Structure formats: C-alpha cells, structure tokens
Amino acid sequence: MADPVRLIVGLGNPGPEYDATRHNAGVWYIDALARAQGIFLSEEKKYFGLTGTFQFEGETIRLLVPSTYMNRSGQATSALANFFKIPVTQMLVAHDELDLPPGVARFKQGGGHGGHNGLRDIIARHGNSRDFHRLRIGIGHPGSADRVTPHVLSKPSAQDRDLIERAIDEAVRFTPDLLRGDLNAAMNGLNGFRA
C-alpha cells in the first residue's frame, strides 16, 4: 500500500486564453473531480491558487489549481502542503503528457519531470523529492521537439478533446483507490482503459 492521497493538484496556466488548451488537461481533471463531488473551488491567495475540499471516508481531501503560470506551480503546492503538513508522498499531481495519446491516462508514483515545467518546479520546491503521485493525461506528441510548445498551448480537435475527457472521467472513477492508498488498484483499473 502507498500513502493515501490528501492533496490533488491540477496543472495548467491561468486565464481564459489557456482554459481549453492541452497544457490545462490537469485542470480539466480537477474540474471533473469537483463536479463529481459537488463542490466549487475558490481563490485562496495565500496558496496561490483555487482550492476546495471534500470529505472521503472521514478524511479531508484538498483540491488545488495553481493560479501561477505553469513554471511556478510549486509555489502553490508547497504553500498549501506546508501549511497543512501534507507530505509529498500524499500528493497527486495531474498533468498533460506528450508521451501518451489522447484517450489514455495513467497513474504512477515518483519519476522525473520529463521536461514538464510544472513538474520540474514542484520537484524543486519540495526539496527535490519526486515521490508524489502523478496522473499523466495523454495529449499526444506533435512529432518533433520544435512543435511541442505550440502543440501544448493550442486547443485539441473536438475528437481529441472528447477522448481526453473520457480518459479523465475514467481517472476520476479510480481516484478513490488512491485516496485509500491502494495505488495498485488505481493503476490496474485505469491502465487498461483506452477511449
């Protein structure tokens, strides 16, 4: 069994011009999770983001969407985690993943940042610990490195958006396993899914 998750973070960039871009797939997951729990996120300046809570089997689960830009995501995660004394092993970070196609999402624990600036900053601001859980939401790769930035900062096609949202819905379905600390059940449940 892994540590149970108590803080769930969705990475993205603030502002309406970024809402529908691939780089905000982590935020889409938080939005779906908040809808499933019937809660709304509100701005908390001291945590540099939007936050909300819900109860799960007697435990308080905190949601966070940093309102900093992607490359400063760790400013928000460290502020909230430090205040509530949530160890990095109890944090789940949802983010867009170039190496998975739309319609696929994967849970994992630990690992590097893979060039993702949000993950890079979170690792740096949590004492270089990489031991947090991740939800990797596939957005596909544009085919060459020089096209990555415009790819992640543009909107997916309607078909790809639908595939991504279906993978997110499936991730929401298996999130309770992570909240219980059963990483294997969460991984096994989600990893067999492809929209």
C-alpha atoms as a PDB file:
ATOM      1  CA  MET A   1       0.000   0.000   0.000  1.00  0.00           C
ATOM      2  CA  ALA A   2       1.130   3.556  -0.792  1.00  0.00           C
ATOM      3  CA  ASP A   3       0.436   6.649   1.302  1.00  0.00           C
ATOM      4  CA  PRO A   4      -3.197   7.751   0.910  1.00  0.00           C
ATOM      5  CA  VAL A   5      -3.601  10.892  -1.209  1.00  0.00           C
ATOM      6  CA  ARG A   6      -4.739  14.007   0.668  1.00  0.00           C
ATOM      7  CA  LEU A   7      -3.870  16.771  -1.820  1.00  0.00           C
ATOM      8  CA  ILE A   8      -4.813  16.647  -5.514  1.00  0.00           C
ATOM      9  CA  VAL A   9      -3.302  19.258  -7.828  1.00  0.00           C
ATOM     10  CA  GLY A  10      -4.259  20.019 -11.423  1.00  0.00           C
ATOM     11  CA  LEU A  11      -1.630  21.805 -13.506  1.00  0.00           C
ATOM     12  CA  GLY A  12      -2.336  24.437 -16.112  1.00  0.00           C
ATOM     13  CA  ASN A  13      -1.935  28.103 -16.979  1.00  0.00           C
ATOM     14  CA  PRO A  14      -4.286  30.803 -15.636  1.00  0.00           C
ATOM     15  CA  GLY A  15      -6.532  32.935 -17.801  1.00  0.00           C
ATOM     16  CA  PRO A  16      -9.341  32.286 -20.277  1.00  0.00           C
ATOM     17  CA  GLU A  17      -6.946  32.134 -23.245  1.00  0.00           C
ATOM     18  CA  TYR A  18      -5.469  28.922 -21.794  1.00  0.00           C
ATOM     19  CA  ASP A  19      -8.601  27.211 -20.427  1.00  0.00           C
ATOM     20  CA  ALA A  20      -9.180  24.974 -23.443  1.00  0.00           C
ATOM     21  CA  THR A  21      -5.518  24.278 -24.308  1.00  0.00           C
ATOM     22  CA  ARG A  22      -3.880  20.867 -23.947  1.00  0.00           C
ATOM     23  CA  HIS A  23      -1.488  22.133 -21.256  1.00  0.00           C
ATOM     24  CA  ASN A  24      -4.531  22.584 -18.973  1.00  0.00           C
ATOM     25  CA  ALA A  25      -5.558  18.910 -19.027  1.00  0.00           C
ATOM     26  CA  GLY A  26      -4.648  18.654 -15.333  1.00  0.00           C
ATOM     27  CA  VAL A  27      -7.124  21.440 -14.555  1.00  0.00           C
ATOM     28  CA  TRP A  28      -9.806  19.587 -16.541  1.00  0.00           C
ATOM     29  CA  TYR A  29      -9.308  16.610 -14.227  1.00  0.00           C
ATOM     30  CA  ILE A  30      -9.748  18.780 -11.114  1.00  0.00           C
ATOM     31  CA  ASP A  31     -12.880  20.308 -12.680  1.00  0.00           C
ATOM     32  CA  ALA A  32     -14.300  16.828 -13.310  1.00  0.00           C
ATOM     33  CA  LEU A  33     -13.436  15.695  -9.780  1.00  0.00           C
ATOM     34  CA  ALA A  34     -15.004  18.816  -8.252  1.00  0.00           C
ATOM     35  CA  ARG A  35     -18.186  18.248 -10.301  1.00  0.00           C
ATOM     36  CA  ALA A  36     -18.326  14.625  -9.146  1.00  0.00           C
ATOM     37  CA  GLN A  37     -18.062  15.786  -5.523  1.00  0.00           C
ATOM     38  CA  GLY A  38     -20.492  18.676  -5.977  1.00  0.00           C
ATOM     39  CA  ILE A  39     -18.001  21.304  -4.816  1.00  0.00           C
ATOM     40  CA  PHE A  40     -16.703  24.609  -6.131  1.00  0.00           C
ATOM     41  CA  LEU A  41     -13.146  25.900  -5.996  1.00  0.00           C
ATOM     42  CA  SER A  42     -12.445  29.390  -4.679  1.00  0.00           C
ATOM     43  CA  GLU A  43      -9.413  31.667  -4.885  1.00  0.00           C
ATOM     44  CA  GLU A  44      -7.022  31.409  -1.922  1.00  0.00           C
ATOM     45  CA  LYS A  45      -4.275  33.993  -2.328  1.00  0.00           C
ATOM     46  CA  LYS A  46      -2.082  32.525   0.420  1.00  0.00           C
ATOM     47  CA  TYR A  47      -1.961  29.237  -1.526  1.00  0.00           C
ATOM     48  CA  PHE A  48      -1.528  30.952  -4.926  1.00  0.00           C
ATOM     49  CA  GLY A  49      -4.460  29.086  -6.425  1.00  0.00           C
ATOM     50  CA  LEU A  50      -8.032  27.876  -6.434  1.00  0.00           C
ATOM     51  CA  THR A  51      -8.853  25.415  -3.666  1.00  0.00           C
ATOM     52  CA  GLY A  52     -11.679  23.276  -2.403  1.00  0.00           C
ATOM     53  CA  THR A  53     -12.204  20.367  -0.047  1.00  0.00           C
ATOM     54  CA  PHE A  54     -14.387  17.301   0.261  1.00  0.00           C
ATOM     55  CA  GLN A  55     -14.677  14.503   2.777  1.00  0.00           C
ATOM     56  CA  PHE A  56     -13.757  10.938   1.922  1.00  0.00           C
ATOM     57  CA  GLU A  57     -14.151   8.169   4.495  1.00  0.00           C
ATOM     58  CA  GLY A  58     -13.615  10.633   7.335  1.00  0.00           C
ATOM     59  CA  GLU A  59     -10.606  12.382   5.770  1.00  0.00           C
ATOM     60  CA  THR A  60     -10.371  15.878   4.288  1.00  0.00           C
ATOM     61  CA  ILE A  61      -9.201  15.840   0.666  1.00  0.00           C
ATOM     62  CA  ARG A  62      -7.882  19.122  -0.713  1.00  0.00           C
ATOM     63  CA  LEU A  63      -8.023  20.163  -4.371  1.00  0.00           C
ATOM     64  CA  LEU A  64      -5.691  22.798  -5.788  1.00  0.00           C
ATOM     65  CA  VAL A  65      -5.369  24.533  -9.141  1.00  0.00           C
ATOM     66  CA  PRO A  66      -2.340  26.844  -9.056  1.00  0.00           C
ATOM     67  CA  SER A  67      -3.106  30.336 -10.356  1.00  0.00           C
ATOM     68  CA  THR A  68       0.582  30.900 -11.093  1.00  0.00           C
ATOM     69  CA  TYR A  69       1.902  30.099 -14.522  1.00  0.00           C
ATOM     70  CA  MET A  70       2.913  26.511 -15.144  1.00  0.00           C
ATOM     71  CA  ASN A  71       6.621  27.021 -14.449  1.00  0.00           C
ATOM     72  CA  ARG A  72       5.822  28.281 -10.924  1.00  0.00           C
ATOM     73  CA  SER A  73       3.357  25.538  -9.946  1.00  0.00           C
ATOM     74  CA  GLY A  74       5.480  24.524  -6.966  1.00  0.00           C
ATOM     75  CA  GLN A  75       4.878  27.905  -5.320  1.00  0.00           C
ATOM     76  CA  ALA A  76       1.235  26.892  -4.824  1.00  0.00           C
ATOM     77  CA  THR A  77       1.771  23.225  -3.958  1.00  0.00           C
ATOM     78  CA  SER A  78       4.473  23.972  -1.384  1.00  0.00           C
ATOM     79  CA  ALA A  79       2.450  26.779   0.258  1.00  0.00           C
ATOM     80  CA  LEU A  80      -0.611  24.568   0.759  1.00  0.00           C
ATOM     81  CA  ALA A  81       1.239  21.348   1.599  1.00  0.00           C
ATOM     82  CA  ASN A  82       3.474  23.100   4.126  1.00  0.00           C
ATOM     83  CA  PHE A  83       0.552  24.839   5.829  1.00  0.00           C
ATOM     84  CA  PHE A  84      -1.486  21.635   6.245  1.00  0.00           C
ATOM     85  CA  LYS A  85       1.607  19.461   6.847  1.00  0.00           C
ATOM     86  CA  ILE A  86       0.807  17.185   3.901  1.00  0.00           C
ATOM     87  CA  PRO A  87       3.879  15.129   2.952  1.00  0.00           C
ATOM     88  CA  VAL A  88       4.858  14.961  -0.700  1.00  0.00           C
ATOM     89  CA  THR A  89       4.002  11.230  -0.739  1.00  0.00           C
ATOM     90  CA  GLN A  90       0.334  12.175  -0.128  1.00  0.00           C
ATOM     91  CA  MET A  91       0.128  14.498  -3.141  1.00  0.00           C
ATOM     92  CA  LEU A  92      -1.302  13.638  -6.572  1.00  0.00           C
ATOM     93  CA  VAL A  93      -0.350  15.939  -9.462  1.00  0.00           C
ATOM     94  CA  ALA A  94      -2.424  15.727 -12.657  1.00  0.00           C
ATOM     95  CA  HIS A  95      -0.714  16.974 -15.809  1.00  0.00           C
ATOM     96  CA  ASP A  96      -0.709  16.755 -19.600  1.00  0.00           C
ATOM     97  CA  GLU A  97       1.529  14.016 -21.030  1.00  0.00           C
ATOM     98  CA  LEU A  98       3.054  14.195 -24.517  1.00  0.00           C
ATOM     99  CA  ASP A  99       4.117  10.536 -24.478  1.00  0.00           C
ATOM    100  CA  LEU A 100       0.560   9.185 -24.228  1.00  0.00           C
ATOM    101  CA  PRO A 101      -2.105   9.536 -26.932  1.00  0.00           C
ATOM    102  CA  PRO A 102      -5.440  11.265 -26.294  1.00  0.00           C
ATOM    103  CA  GLY A 103      -7.831   8.828 -24.640  1.00  0.00           C
ATOM    104  CA  VAL A 104      -5.161   7.301 -22.390  1.00  0.00           C
ATOM    105  CA  ALA A 105      -4.315   8.313 -18.808  1.00  0.00           C
ATOM    106  CA  ARG A 106      -2.019   6.638 -16.307  1.00  0.00           C
ATOM    107  CA  PHE A 107      -1.415   6.830 -12.574  1.00  0.00           C
ATOM    108  CA  LYS A 108       2.139   6.437 -11.320  1.00  0.00           C
ATOM    109  CA  GLN A 109       4.239   7.336  -8.310  1.00  0.00           C
ATOM    110  CA  GLY A 110       7.590   9.073  -8.495  1.00  0.00           C
ATOM    111  CA  GLY A 111       9.797   9.655 -11.510  1.00  0.00           C
ATOM    112  CA  GLY A 112      11.435  12.637 -13.139  1.00  0.00           C
ATOM    113  CA  HIS A 113       9.860  15.720 -14.698  1.00  0.00           C
ATOM    114  CA  GLY A 114      10.293  14.572 -18.311  1.00  0.00           C
ATOM    115  CA  GLY A 115      10.791  18.169 -19.430  1.00  0.00           C
ATOM    116  CA  HIS A 116       7.435  19.266 -17.951  1.00  0.00           C
ATOM    117  CA  ASN A 117       7.989  22.692 -16.393  1.00  0.00           C
ATOM    118  CA  GLY A 118       5.209  22.315 -13.846  1.00  0.00           C
ATOM    119  CA  LEU A 119       6.631  19.044 -12.532  1.00  0.00           C
ATOM    120  CA  ARG A 120      10.148  20.496 -12.601  1.00  0.00           C
ATOM    121  CA  ASP A 121       9.133  23.377 -10.324  1.00  0.00           C
ATOM    122  CA  ILE A 122       7.150  21.149  -7.946  1.00  0.00           C
ATOM    123  CA  ILE A 123      10.132  18.811  -7.527  1.00  0.00           C
ATOM    124  CA  ALA A 124      12.451  21.771  -6.891  1.00  0.00           C
ATOM    125  CA  ARG A 125      10.162  23.393  -4.315  1.00  0.00           C
ATOM    126  CA  HIS A 126       9.564  20.165  -2.392  1.00  0.00           C
ATOM    127  CA  GLY A 127      13.210  19.566  -1.544  1.00  0.00           C
ATOM    128  CA  ASN A 128      13.908  17.751  -4.827  1.00  0.00           C
ATOM    129  CA  SER A 129      11.516  14.976  -3.773  1.00  0.00           C
ATOM    130  CA  ARG A 130       9.996  13.133  -6.722  1.00  0.00           C
ATOM    131  CA  ASP A 131       7.866  10.791  -4.616  1.00  0.00           C
ATOM    132  CA  PHE A 132       4.466  12.319  -5.327  1.00  0.00           C
ATOM    133  CA  HIS A 133       1.785  10.512  -7.298  1.00  0.00           C
ATOM    134  CA  ARG A 134       1.074  11.612 -10.858  1.00  0.00           C
ATOM    135  CA  LEU A 135      -1.869  11.361 -13.181  1.00  0.00           C
ATOM    136  CA  ARG A 136      -0.452  11.523 -16.708  1.00  0.00           C
ATOM    137  CA  ILE A 137      -3.188  12.634 -19.125  1.00  0.00           C
ATOM    138  CA  GLY A 138      -2.333  11.844 -22.718  1.00  0.00           C
ATOM    139  CA  ILE A 139      -2.411  14.708 -25.211  1.00  0.00           C
ATOM    140  CA  GLY A 140      -0.255  13.122 -27.939  1.00  0.00           C
ATOM    141  CA  HIS A 141       3.037  14.318 -29.381  1.00  0.00           C
ATOM    142  CA  PRO A 142       3.201  16.665 -32.391  1.00  0.00           C
ATOM    143  CA  GLY A 143       6.079  14.652 -33.891  1.00  0.00           C
ATOM    144  CA  SER A 144       9.029  16.984 -33.439  1.00  0.00           C
ATOM    145  CA  ALA A 145      10.503  18.888 -30.496  1.00  0.00           C
ATOM    146  CA  ASP A 146      10.193  22.300 -32.141  1.00  0.00           C
ATOM    147  CA  ARG A 147       6.407  21.863 -32.375  1.00  0.00           C
ATOM    148  CA  VAL A 148       5.871  20.909 -28.717  1.00  0.00           C
ATOM    149  CA  THR A 149       5.256  24.417 -27.347  1.00  0.00           C
ATOM    150  CA  PRO A 150       2.618  25.421 -29.927  1.00  0.00           C
ATOM    151  CA  HIS A 151       1.051  21.949 -29.542  1.00  0.00           C
ATOM    152  CA  VAL A 152       0.582  22.129 -25.767  1.00  0.00           C
ATOM    153  CA  LEU A 153      -0.599  25.746 -25.905  1.00  0.00           C
ATOM    154  CA  SER A 154      -3.244  25.105 -28.565  1.00  0.00           C
ATOM    155  CA  LYS A 155      -6.690  23.575 -28.351  1.00  0.00           C
ATOM    156  CA  PRO A 156      -7.140  19.916 -29.261  1.00  0.00           C
ATOM    157  CA  SER A 157      -9.571  18.949 -32.002  1.00  0.00           C
ATOM    158  CA  ALA A 158     -13.120  18.195 -30.871  1.00  0.00           C
ATOM    159  CA  GLN A 159     -12.410  14.487 -31.323  1.00  0.00           C
ATOM    160  CA  ASP A 160      -9.209  14.624 -29.240  1.00  0.00           C
ATOM    161  CA  ARG A 161     -10.910  16.716 -26.554  1.00  0.00           C
ATOM    162  CA  ASP A 162     -13.621  14.071 -26.293  1.00  0.00           C
ATOM    163  CA  LEU A 163     -11.013  11.306 -25.967  1.00  0.00           C
ATOM    164  CA  ILE A 164      -9.124  13.257 -23.293  1.00  0.00           C
ATOM    165  CA  GLU A 165     -12.311  13.905 -21.331  1.00  0.00           C
ATOM    166  CA  ARG A 166     -13.280  10.244 -21.444  1.00  0.00           C
ATOM    167  CA  ALA A 167      -9.856   9.285 -20.058  1.00  0.00           C
ATOM    168  CA  ILE A 168     -10.264  11.927 -17.337  1.00  0.00           C
ATOM    169  CA  ASP A 169     -13.686  10.555 -16.393  1.00  0.00           C
ATOM    170  CA  GLU A 170     -12.129   7.125 -16.035  1.00  0.00           C
ATOM    171  CA  ALA A 171      -9.352   8.581 -13.851  1.00  0.00           C
ATOM    172  CA  VAL A 172     -11.992  10.184 -11.627  1.00  0.00           C
ATOM    173  CA  ARG A 173     -13.631   6.767 -11.274  1.00  0.00           C
ATOM    174  CA  PHE A 174     -10.444   5.202  -9.903  1.00  0.00           C
ATOM    175  CA  THR A 175      -9.316   8.167  -7.784  1.00  0.00           C
ATOM    176  CA  PRO A 176     -10.967   6.751  -4.608  1.00  0.00           C
ATOM    177  CA  ASP A 177      -8.452   3.890  -4.711  1.00  0.00           C
ATOM    178  CA  LEU A 178      -5.641   6.446  -4.420  1.00  0.00           C
ATOM    179  CA  LEU A 179      -7.439   8.186  -1.567  1.00  0.00           C
ATOM    180  CA  ARG A 180      -7.368   4.858   0.265  1.00  0.00           C
ATOM    181  CA  GLY A 181      -3.683   4.361  -0.505  1.00  0.00           C
ATOM    182  CA  ASP A 182      -4.277   1.497  -2.939  1.00  0.00           C
ATOM    183  CA  LEU A 183      -2.048   2.632  -5.801  1.00  0.00           C
ATOM    184  CA  ASN A 184      -2.048  -0.791  -7.452  1.00  0.00           C
ATOM    185  CA  ALA A 185      -5.842  -0.887  -7.700  1.00  0.00           C
ATOM    186  CA  ALA A 186      -5.902   2.630  -9.140  1.00  0.00           C
ATOM    187  CA  MET A 187      -3.159   1.847 -11.650  1.00  0.00           C
ATOM    188  CA  ASN A 188      -4.611  -1.503 -12.690  1.00  0.00           C
ATOM    189  CA  GLY A 189      -8.091  -0.049 -13.083  1.00  0.00           C
ATOM    190  CA  LEU A 190      -7.060   2.947 -15.169  1.00  0.00           C
ATOM    191  CA  ASN A 191      -4.164   1.449 -17.115  1.00  0.00           C
ATOM    192  CA  GLY A 192      -6.383  -0.953 -19.014  1.00  0.00           C
ATOM    193  CA  PHE A 193      -8.564   1.877 -20.323  1.00  0.00           C
ATOM    194  CA  ARG A 194      -8.286   3.423 -23.752  1.00  0.00           C
ATOM    195  CA  ALA A 195     -11.054   5.648 -25.093  1.00  0.00           C
END
